[in-house]
Protein backbone atom coordinates (compact mmCIF):
# COMPACT_ATOMS: atom_id res chain seq x y z
CA UNK A 1 -67.52 128.58 64.67
CA UNK A 2 -65.31 126.29 62.57
CA UNK A 3 -64.94 129.06 60.02
CA UNK A 4 -63.75 131.36 62.85
CA UNK A 5 -61.21 128.77 64.04
CA UNK A 6 -59.92 128.22 60.47
CA UNK A 7 -59.51 131.98 59.93
CA UNK A 8 -57.73 132.14 63.31
CA UNK A 9 -55.36 129.30 62.28
CA UNK A 10 -54.50 131.00 59.06
CA UNK A 11 -53.79 134.31 60.73
CA UNK A 12 -51.56 132.50 63.31
CA UNK A 13 -49.74 130.73 60.46
CA UNK A 14 -49.29 134.14 58.71
CA UNK A 15 -47.96 135.71 61.84
CA UNK A 16 -45.59 132.78 62.48
CA UNK A 17 -44.30 133.06 58.90
CA UNK A 18 -43.66 136.89 59.38
CA UNK A 19 -42.02 136.12 62.79
CA UNK A 20 -39.64 133.53 61.30
CA UNK A 21 -38.76 135.97 58.49
CA UNK A 22 -37.94 138.66 61.12
CA UNK A 23 -35.91 136.25 63.13
CA UNK A 24 -33.93 135.25 60.11
CA UNK A 25 -33.44 138.96 59.35
CA UNK A 26 -32.18 139.60 62.80
CA UNK A 27 -29.66 136.67 62.59
CA UNK A 28 -28.53 138.02 59.14
CA UNK A 29 -28.11 141.57 60.61
CA UNK A 30 -26.11 140.07 63.44
CA UNK A 31 -23.80 138.38 60.91
CA UNK A 32 -23.46 141.57 58.95
CA UNK A 33 -22.62 143.47 62.24
CA UNK A 34 -19.86 140.95 62.95
CA UNK A 35 -18.50 141.39 59.45
CA UNK A 36 -18.65 145.15 59.68
CA UNK A 37 -17.04 145.17 63.13
CA UNK A 38 -13.84 143.85 61.82
CA UNK A 39 -13.54 146.52 59.06
CA UNK A 40 -15.61 149.47 60.26
CA UNK A 41 -15.25 152.80 62.06
CA UNK A 42 -17.05 153.53 65.33
CA UNK A 43 -19.84 155.40 63.57
CA UNK A 44 -20.59 152.57 61.13
CA UNK A 45 -20.66 150.18 64.00
CA UNK A 46 -23.08 152.37 65.93
CA UNK A 47 -25.38 152.57 62.87
CA UNK A 48 -25.29 148.80 62.48
CA UNK A 49 -25.96 148.26 66.15
CA UNK A 50 -28.89 150.70 66.02
CA UNK A 51 -30.27 148.76 63.00
CA UNK A 52 -30.08 145.43 64.86
CA UNK A 53 -31.71 146.96 68.00
CA UNK A 54 -34.55 148.22 65.90
CA UNK A 55 -35.01 144.83 64.27
CA UNK A 56 -34.96 143.05 67.58
CA UNK A 57 -37.59 145.49 68.94
CA UNK A 58 -39.88 144.77 65.93
CA UNK A 59 -39.37 141.00 66.37
CA UNK A 60 -40.09 141.25 70.09
CA UNK A 61 -43.30 143.09 69.24
CA UNK A 62 -44.33 140.44 66.87
CA UNK A 63 -43.53 137.71 69.43
CA UNK A 64 -45.75 139.55 71.83
CA UNK A 65 -48.61 139.67 69.26
CA UNK A 66 -48.20 136.00 68.49
CA UNK A 67 -48.27 135.17 72.14
CA UNK A 68 -51.46 137.19 72.62
CA UNK A 69 -53.12 135.54 69.60
CA UNK A 70 -52.20 132.08 70.79
CA UNK A 71 -53.56 132.84 74.32
CA UNK A 72 -56.83 134.14 72.93
CA UNK A 73 -57.15 130.96 70.69
CA UNK A 74 -56.55 128.80 73.66
CA UNK A 75 -59.06 130.70 75.68
CA UNK A 76 -61.69 130.36 72.89
CA UNK A 77 -61.00 126.53 72.70
CA UNK A 78 -61.35 126.20 76.44
CA UNK A 79 -64.68 128.31 76.44
CA UNK A 80 -65.97 126.03 73.61
CA UNK A 81 -65.04 123.00 75.58
CA UNK A 82 -66.74 124.16 78.72
CA UNK A 83 -69.86 125.20 76.67
CA UNK A 84 -70.02 121.70 75.18
CA UNK A 85 -69.66 120.02 78.44
CA UNK A 86 -72.45 122.16 80.05
CA UNK A 87 -74.74 121.45 77.07
CA UNK A 88 -73.99 117.70 76.74
CA UNK A 89 -73.05 116.45 80.28
CA UNK A 90 -74.31 112.92 79.63
CA UNK A 91 -72.42 112.55 76.34
CA UNK A 92 -69.21 113.65 77.96
CA UNK A 93 -69.83 111.32 80.95
CA UNK A 94 -70.63 108.44 78.48
CA UNK A 95 -67.47 108.99 76.50
CA UNK A 96 -65.26 109.28 79.68
CA UNK A 97 -66.92 106.02 81.09
CA UNK A 98 -66.35 104.14 77.80
CA UNK A 99 -62.73 105.33 77.75
CA UNK A 100 -62.28 104.15 81.20
CA UNK A 101 -63.82 100.71 80.51
CA UNK A 102 -61.66 100.22 77.41
CA UNK A 103 -58.54 101.16 79.37
CA UNK A 104 -59.39 98.82 82.20
CA UNK A 105 -60.09 96.02 79.76
CA UNK A 106 -56.81 96.57 77.94
CA UNK A 107 -54.83 96.62 81.19
CA UNK A 108 -56.65 93.61 82.72
CA UNK A 109 -55.91 91.41 79.69
CA UNK A 110 -52.24 92.38 79.60
CA UNK A 111 -50.08 89.54 80.99
CA UNK A 112 -47.24 90.18 83.34
CA UNK A 113 -44.14 88.56 82.00
CA UNK A 114 -41.42 87.75 84.40
CA UNK A 115 -37.99 88.55 83.09
CA UNK A 116 -35.02 87.37 85.22
CA UNK A 117 -32.46 89.94 86.13
CA UNK A 118 -28.74 89.60 85.62
CA UNK A 119 -28.20 88.37 89.12
CA UNK A 120 -30.69 85.50 88.63
CA UNK A 121 -29.17 84.18 85.35
CA UNK A 122 -26.57 82.23 87.27
């Protein structure tokens, strides 16, 4: 299972890298479009616009794929957590109880310090 999660992490990192590259390309294409707009004819502007629309479409598709992959990974993590809790309820209960006791001890030992307000400085 750890191998599966590691492979999933690598594929998500690869997709994120590709997505960032695509987004940089879209920004660069937008900059090129603005440069060409100043000195171009209507046909050249239309061609540049079509190129940017195509790149935006590709980037949008990659964003959708990344969202789906992340959703699946989160679902697998949630499933693994539920499975662990069902298989080890007493361990989970013990850890939760220990965390509660530690938190209660930490808060009970904390001293409350009285700080005067600006009105009481007098």
